[in-house]
N, C-alpha and C. Protein backbone atom coordinates (compact mmCIF):
# COMPACT_ATOMS: atom_id res chain seq x y z
N MET A 1 0.84 -1.17 0.00
CA MET A 1 0.00 0.00 0.00
C MET A 1 0.89 1.24 0.00
N GLY A 2 0.56 2.21 -0.87
CA GLY A 2 1.36 3.41 -1.00
C GLY A 2 1.00 4.45 0.05
N ARG A 3 1.67 5.55 -0.03
CA ARG A 3 1.41 6.65 0.89
C ARG A 3 0.21 7.44 0.41
N ARG A 4 -0.49 8.08 1.37
CA ARG A 4 -1.67 8.88 1.05
C ARG A 4 -1.32 10.36 1.04
N LEU A 5 -2.01 11.08 0.19
CA LEU A 5 -1.81 12.53 0.10
C LEU A 5 -2.66 13.23 1.15
N ALA A 6 -2.10 14.27 1.75
CA ALA A 6 -2.82 15.09 2.71
C ALA A 6 -3.35 16.36 2.06
N ALA A 7 -2.87 16.68 0.88
CA ALA A 7 -3.28 17.90 0.18
C ALA A 7 -3.40 17.61 -1.30
N ALA A 8 -4.16 18.43 -1.99
CA ALA A 8 -4.26 18.30 -3.45
C ALA A 8 -2.96 18.78 -4.08
N VAL A 9 -2.51 18.05 -5.09
CA VAL A 9 -1.28 18.42 -5.78
C VAL A 9 -1.50 18.36 -7.29
N HIS A 10 -0.75 19.17 -8.00
CA HIS A 10 -0.72 19.15 -9.46
C HIS A 10 0.62 18.53 -9.85
N VAL A 11 0.56 17.47 -10.64
CA VAL A 11 1.76 16.73 -10.99
C VAL A 11 1.79 16.51 -12.49
N GLU A 12 2.99 16.65 -13.08
CA GLU A 12 3.16 16.32 -14.49
C GLU A 12 3.56 14.85 -14.58
N HIS A 13 2.77 14.07 -15.32
CA HIS A 13 3.04 12.65 -15.44
C HIS A 13 4.40 12.47 -16.11
N PRO A 14 5.27 11.61 -15.57
CA PRO A 14 6.63 11.50 -16.08
C PRO A 14 6.73 10.96 -17.50
N THR A 15 5.79 10.18 -17.97
CA THR A 15 5.90 9.63 -19.33
C THR A 15 5.02 10.37 -20.33
N THR A 16 3.79 10.71 -19.95
CA THR A 16 2.88 11.37 -20.90
C THR A 16 3.00 12.88 -20.89
N ARG A 17 3.66 13.44 -19.86
CA ARG A 17 3.82 14.89 -19.68
C ARG A 17 2.47 15.60 -19.58
N GLU A 18 1.46 14.87 -19.14
CA GLU A 18 0.13 15.41 -18.96
C GLU A 18 0.00 15.87 -17.50
N TRP A 19 -0.62 17.03 -17.27
CA TRP A 19 -0.80 17.52 -15.90
C TRP A 19 -1.98 16.80 -15.27
N ILE A 20 -1.77 16.31 -14.04
CA ILE A 20 -2.76 15.54 -13.31
C ILE A 20 -2.98 16.21 -11.96
N VAL A 21 -4.24 16.27 -11.53
CA VAL A 21 -4.56 16.80 -10.21
C VAL A 21 -4.89 15.61 -9.32
N LEU A 22 -4.15 15.46 -8.24
CA LEU A 22 -4.39 14.40 -7.27
C LEU A 22 -5.03 15.02 -6.04
N GLU A 23 -6.06 14.37 -5.53
CA GLU A 23 -6.83 14.88 -4.40
C GLU A 23 -6.30 14.34 -3.08
N PRO A 24 -6.63 15.01 -1.96
CA PRO A 24 -6.25 14.48 -0.65
C PRO A 24 -6.86 13.09 -0.45
N GLY A 25 -6.09 12.17 0.09
CA GLY A 25 -6.54 10.81 0.31
C GLY A 25 -6.16 9.87 -0.82
N ASP A 26 -5.73 10.41 -1.97
CA ASP A 26 -5.31 9.56 -3.09
C ASP A 26 -3.99 8.87 -2.74
N GLU A 27 -3.80 7.68 -3.30
CA GLU A 27 -2.55 6.94 -3.16
C GLU A 27 -1.94 6.79 -4.55
N PRO A 28 -1.10 7.74 -4.98
CA PRO A 28 -0.56 7.69 -6.34
C PRO A 28 0.44 6.54 -6.52
N ASP A 29 0.59 6.12 -7.78
CA ASP A 29 1.58 5.11 -8.12
C ASP A 29 2.97 5.64 -7.80
N ASP A 30 3.94 4.72 -7.77
CA ASP A 30 5.31 5.10 -7.41
C ASP A 30 5.90 6.12 -8.37
N ASP A 31 5.59 6.02 -9.67
CA ASP A 31 6.16 6.97 -10.62
C ASP A 31 5.61 8.38 -10.40
N LEU A 32 4.32 8.49 -10.05
CA LEU A 32 3.76 9.80 -9.73
C LEU A 32 4.23 10.28 -8.36
N ALA A 33 4.33 9.38 -7.40
CA ALA A 33 4.76 9.75 -6.06
C ALA A 33 6.18 10.33 -6.08
N ALA A 34 7.00 9.84 -6.98
CA ALA A 34 8.37 10.35 -7.08
C ALA A 34 8.40 11.80 -7.56
N GLU A 35 7.35 12.23 -8.27
CA GLU A 35 7.28 13.60 -8.77
C GLU A 35 6.82 14.59 -7.71
N ILE A 36 6.24 14.11 -6.61
CA ILE A 36 5.73 14.99 -5.55
C ILE A 36 6.87 15.21 -4.55
N THR A 37 7.45 16.39 -4.60
CA THR A 37 8.64 16.67 -3.80
C THR A 37 8.33 17.41 -2.50
N ASN A 38 7.12 17.91 -2.34
CA ASN A 38 6.79 18.64 -1.12
C ASN A 38 6.41 17.66 -0.03
N PRO A 39 7.17 17.59 1.07
CA PRO A 39 6.86 16.62 2.13
C PRO A 39 5.55 16.93 2.84
N ASP A 40 5.09 18.18 2.80
CA ASP A 40 3.84 18.54 3.45
C ASP A 40 2.62 18.04 2.69
N ALA A 41 2.81 17.55 1.47
CA ALA A 41 1.69 17.03 0.69
C ALA A 41 1.26 15.66 1.17
N TRP A 42 2.11 14.98 1.94
CA TRP A 42 1.83 13.61 2.36
C TRP A 42 1.25 13.57 3.76
N GLU A 43 0.38 12.57 4.00
CA GLU A 43 -0.13 12.33 5.34
C GLU A 43 1.00 11.76 6.20
N VAL A 44 0.92 12.00 7.50
CA VAL A 44 1.91 11.48 8.42
C VAL A 44 1.66 10.00 8.59
N ASP A 45 2.70 9.22 8.45
CA ASP A 45 2.59 7.77 8.59
C ASP A 45 2.57 7.43 10.07
N GLU A 46 1.44 6.88 10.56
CA GLU A 46 1.31 6.61 11.99
C GLU A 46 2.09 5.38 12.44
N SER A 47 2.55 4.56 11.50
CA SER A 47 3.31 3.38 11.90
C SER A 47 4.74 3.74 12.30
N THR A 48 5.20 4.93 11.94
CA THR A 48 6.53 5.38 12.32
C THR A 48 6.48 5.88 13.76
N PRO A 49 7.35 5.42 14.66
CA PRO A 49 7.27 5.83 16.06
C PRO A 49 7.52 7.32 16.29
N ASP A 50 8.32 7.96 15.47
CA ASP A 50 8.64 9.36 15.68
C ASP A 50 7.73 10.29 14.90
N ALA A 51 6.66 9.77 14.33
CA ALA A 51 5.80 10.58 13.47
C ALA A 51 5.18 11.75 14.23
N GLU A 52 4.67 11.52 15.44
CA GLU A 52 4.04 12.59 16.17
C GLU A 52 5.06 13.50 16.83
N GLU A 53 6.18 12.96 17.21
CA GLU A 53 7.18 13.74 17.92
C GLU A 53 7.96 14.65 16.99
N SER A 54 8.00 14.32 15.71
CA SER A 54 8.82 15.13 14.81
C SER A 54 8.10 16.44 14.54
N GLY A 55 8.76 17.50 14.88
CA GLY A 55 8.26 18.83 14.64
C GLY A 55 9.24 19.55 13.75
N PRO A 56 9.13 20.86 13.67
CA PRO A 56 10.12 21.58 12.88
C PRO A 56 11.51 21.39 13.47
N GLU A 57 12.42 21.07 12.62
CA GLU A 57 13.78 20.84 13.11
C GLU A 57 14.43 22.16 13.45
N GLU A 58 14.97 22.23 14.64
CA GLU A 58 15.67 23.43 15.06
C GLU A 58 17.16 23.13 15.03
N PRO A 59 17.95 24.10 14.60
CA PRO A 59 19.39 23.85 14.53
C PRO A 59 19.97 23.70 15.93
N LYS A 60 21.00 22.90 16.02
CA LYS A 60 21.70 22.75 17.29
C LYS A 60 22.43 24.04 17.58
N GLN A 61 22.87 24.21 18.82
CA GLN A 61 23.49 25.47 19.19
C GLN A 61 24.78 25.73 18.42
N ASP A 62 25.51 24.68 18.06
CA ASP A 62 26.76 24.89 17.35
C ASP A 62 26.56 24.95 15.84
N GLU A 63 25.33 24.79 15.37
CA GLU A 63 25.06 24.86 13.94
C GLU A 63 24.27 26.13 13.63
N SER A 64 24.47 26.65 12.45
CA SER A 64 23.67 27.79 12.02
C SER A 64 22.51 27.27 11.18
N PRO A 65 21.36 27.92 11.21
CA PRO A 65 20.22 27.45 10.44
C PRO A 65 20.48 27.61 8.95
N VAL A 66 19.83 26.75 8.18
CA VAL A 66 20.04 26.77 6.74
C VAL A 66 19.28 27.93 6.12
N PHE A 67 18.03 28.13 6.55
CA PHE A 67 17.20 29.18 5.97
C PHE A 67 16.78 30.15 7.05
N GLY A 68 16.44 31.36 6.64
CA GLY A 68 15.89 32.34 7.56
C GLY A 68 16.97 33.20 8.18
N PHE A 69 16.51 34.17 8.92
CA PHE A 69 17.41 35.09 9.58
C PHE A 69 17.47 34.74 11.05
N THR A 70 18.66 34.77 11.62
CA THR A 70 18.82 34.41 13.02
C THR A 70 18.96 35.64 13.90
N ALA A 71 19.40 36.73 13.38
CA ALA A 71 19.63 37.92 14.19
C ALA A 71 18.83 39.08 13.62
N GLN A 72 18.57 40.04 14.47
CA GLN A 72 17.87 41.22 14.01
C GLN A 72 18.80 42.00 13.09
N PRO A 73 18.29 42.49 11.99
CA PRO A 73 19.16 43.27 11.10
C PRO A 73 19.55 44.58 11.78
N GLU A 74 20.77 44.98 11.52
CA GLU A 74 21.24 46.22 12.10
C GLU A 74 20.53 47.37 11.41
N PRO A 75 20.10 48.37 12.19
CA PRO A 75 19.42 49.51 11.56
C PRO A 75 20.41 50.28 10.70
N GLU A 76 19.91 50.75 9.60
CA GLU A 76 20.79 51.51 8.71
C GLU A 76 21.03 52.88 9.33
N PRO A 77 22.24 53.39 9.20
CA PRO A 77 22.52 54.71 9.78
C PRO A 77 21.70 55.77 9.06
N GLU A 78 21.30 56.78 9.84
CA GLU A 78 20.53 57.85 9.24
C GLU A 78 21.44 58.65 8.33
N PRO A 79 20.93 59.00 7.17
CA PRO A 79 21.79 59.77 6.25
C PRO A 79 22.05 61.16 6.83
N GLU A 80 23.26 61.63 6.58
CA GLU A 80 23.62 62.96 7.06
C GLU A 80 22.89 63.99 6.22
N VAL A 81 22.33 64.96 6.90
CA VAL A 81 21.59 66.00 6.19
C VAL A 81 22.59 67.02 5.68
N GLU A 82 22.59 67.19 4.39
CA GLU A 82 23.49 68.17 3.79
C GLU A 82 22.66 69.39 3.38
N ALA A 83 23.25 70.55 3.56
CA ALA A 83 22.57 71.76 3.15
C ALA A 83 22.50 71.80 1.63
N GLU A 84 21.34 72.16 1.15
CA GLU A 84 21.22 72.23 -0.30
C GLU A 84 21.98 73.44 -0.80
N PRO A 85 22.68 73.27 -1.90
CA PRO A 85 23.41 74.42 -2.43
C PRO A 85 22.42 75.48 -2.91
N ALA A 86 22.81 76.73 -2.69
CA ALA A 86 21.95 77.84 -3.12
C ALA A 86 21.88 77.86 -4.63
N PRO A 87 20.71 78.12 -5.17
CA PRO A 87 20.62 78.17 -6.63
C PRO A 87 21.46 79.33 -7.16
N PRO A 88 22.03 79.18 -8.31
CA PRO A 88 22.86 80.27 -8.86
C PRO A 88 22.01 81.51 -9.13
N VAL A 89 22.63 82.64 -8.85
CA VAL A 89 21.94 83.91 -9.05
C VAL A 89 22.01 84.25 -10.54
N PRO A 90 20.88 84.53 -11.14
CA PRO A 90 20.93 84.86 -12.58
C PRO A 90 21.66 86.18 -12.80
N ARG A 91 22.48 86.22 -13.80
CA ARG A 91 23.24 87.43 -14.12
C ARG A 91 22.43 88.29 -15.08
N ARG A 92 22.60 89.58 -14.88
CA ARG A 92 21.94 90.51 -15.80
C ARG A 92 22.75 90.61 -17.05
N ARG A 93 22.07 90.61 -18.12
CA ARG A 93 22.75 90.79 -19.38
C ARG A 93 22.87 92.27 -19.69
N ARG A 94 24.00 92.64 -20.15
CA ARG A 94 24.22 94.04 -20.50
C ARG A 94 23.86 94.21 -21.96
N LYS A 95 23.28 95.35 -22.19
CA LYS A 95 22.97 95.65 -23.59
C LYS A 95 24.25 96.05 -24.28
N THR A 96 24.38 95.57 -25.46
CA THR A 96 25.57 95.93 -26.23
C THR A 96 25.24 97.19 -27.02
N ALA A 97 26.24 97.98 -27.19
CA ALA A 97 26.03 99.22 -27.93
C ALA A 97 25.82 98.89 -29.39
N ASP A 98 24.81 99.52 -29.93
CA ASP A 98 24.55 99.27 -31.36
C ASP A 98 25.59 100.06 -32.17
N ALA A 99 26.23 99.39 -33.05
CA ALA A 99 27.24 100.03 -33.88
C ALA A 99 26.59 100.83 -34.98
N ASP A 100 25.37 100.58 -35.30
CA ASP A 100 24.67 101.27 -36.39
C ASP A 100 24.07 102.59 -35.92
N ALA A 101 23.99 102.88 -34.69
CA ALA A 101 23.29 104.05 -34.21
C ALA A 101 24.03 105.31 -34.38
């Protein structure tokens, strides 16, 4: 007897390349079961003694976790406020003397 699904999954059949929807409670064939990579899609096997005791794995104290952040991110320093440069003062144009006058 195969394993049962705990959630609905969409799987591409390995030989026909056809998309198949499997419902919770289904027991897919071994070739389809190999395509389902999410461990949360499967029901917990009650015959395994550690099935109920297994929870999220926490890293040991001497190990760092594989995913996620372990420490609070350091706050970014506040940018220094710089005085805005004064806009350039427009220069007056001088009239040129007309040579024809």
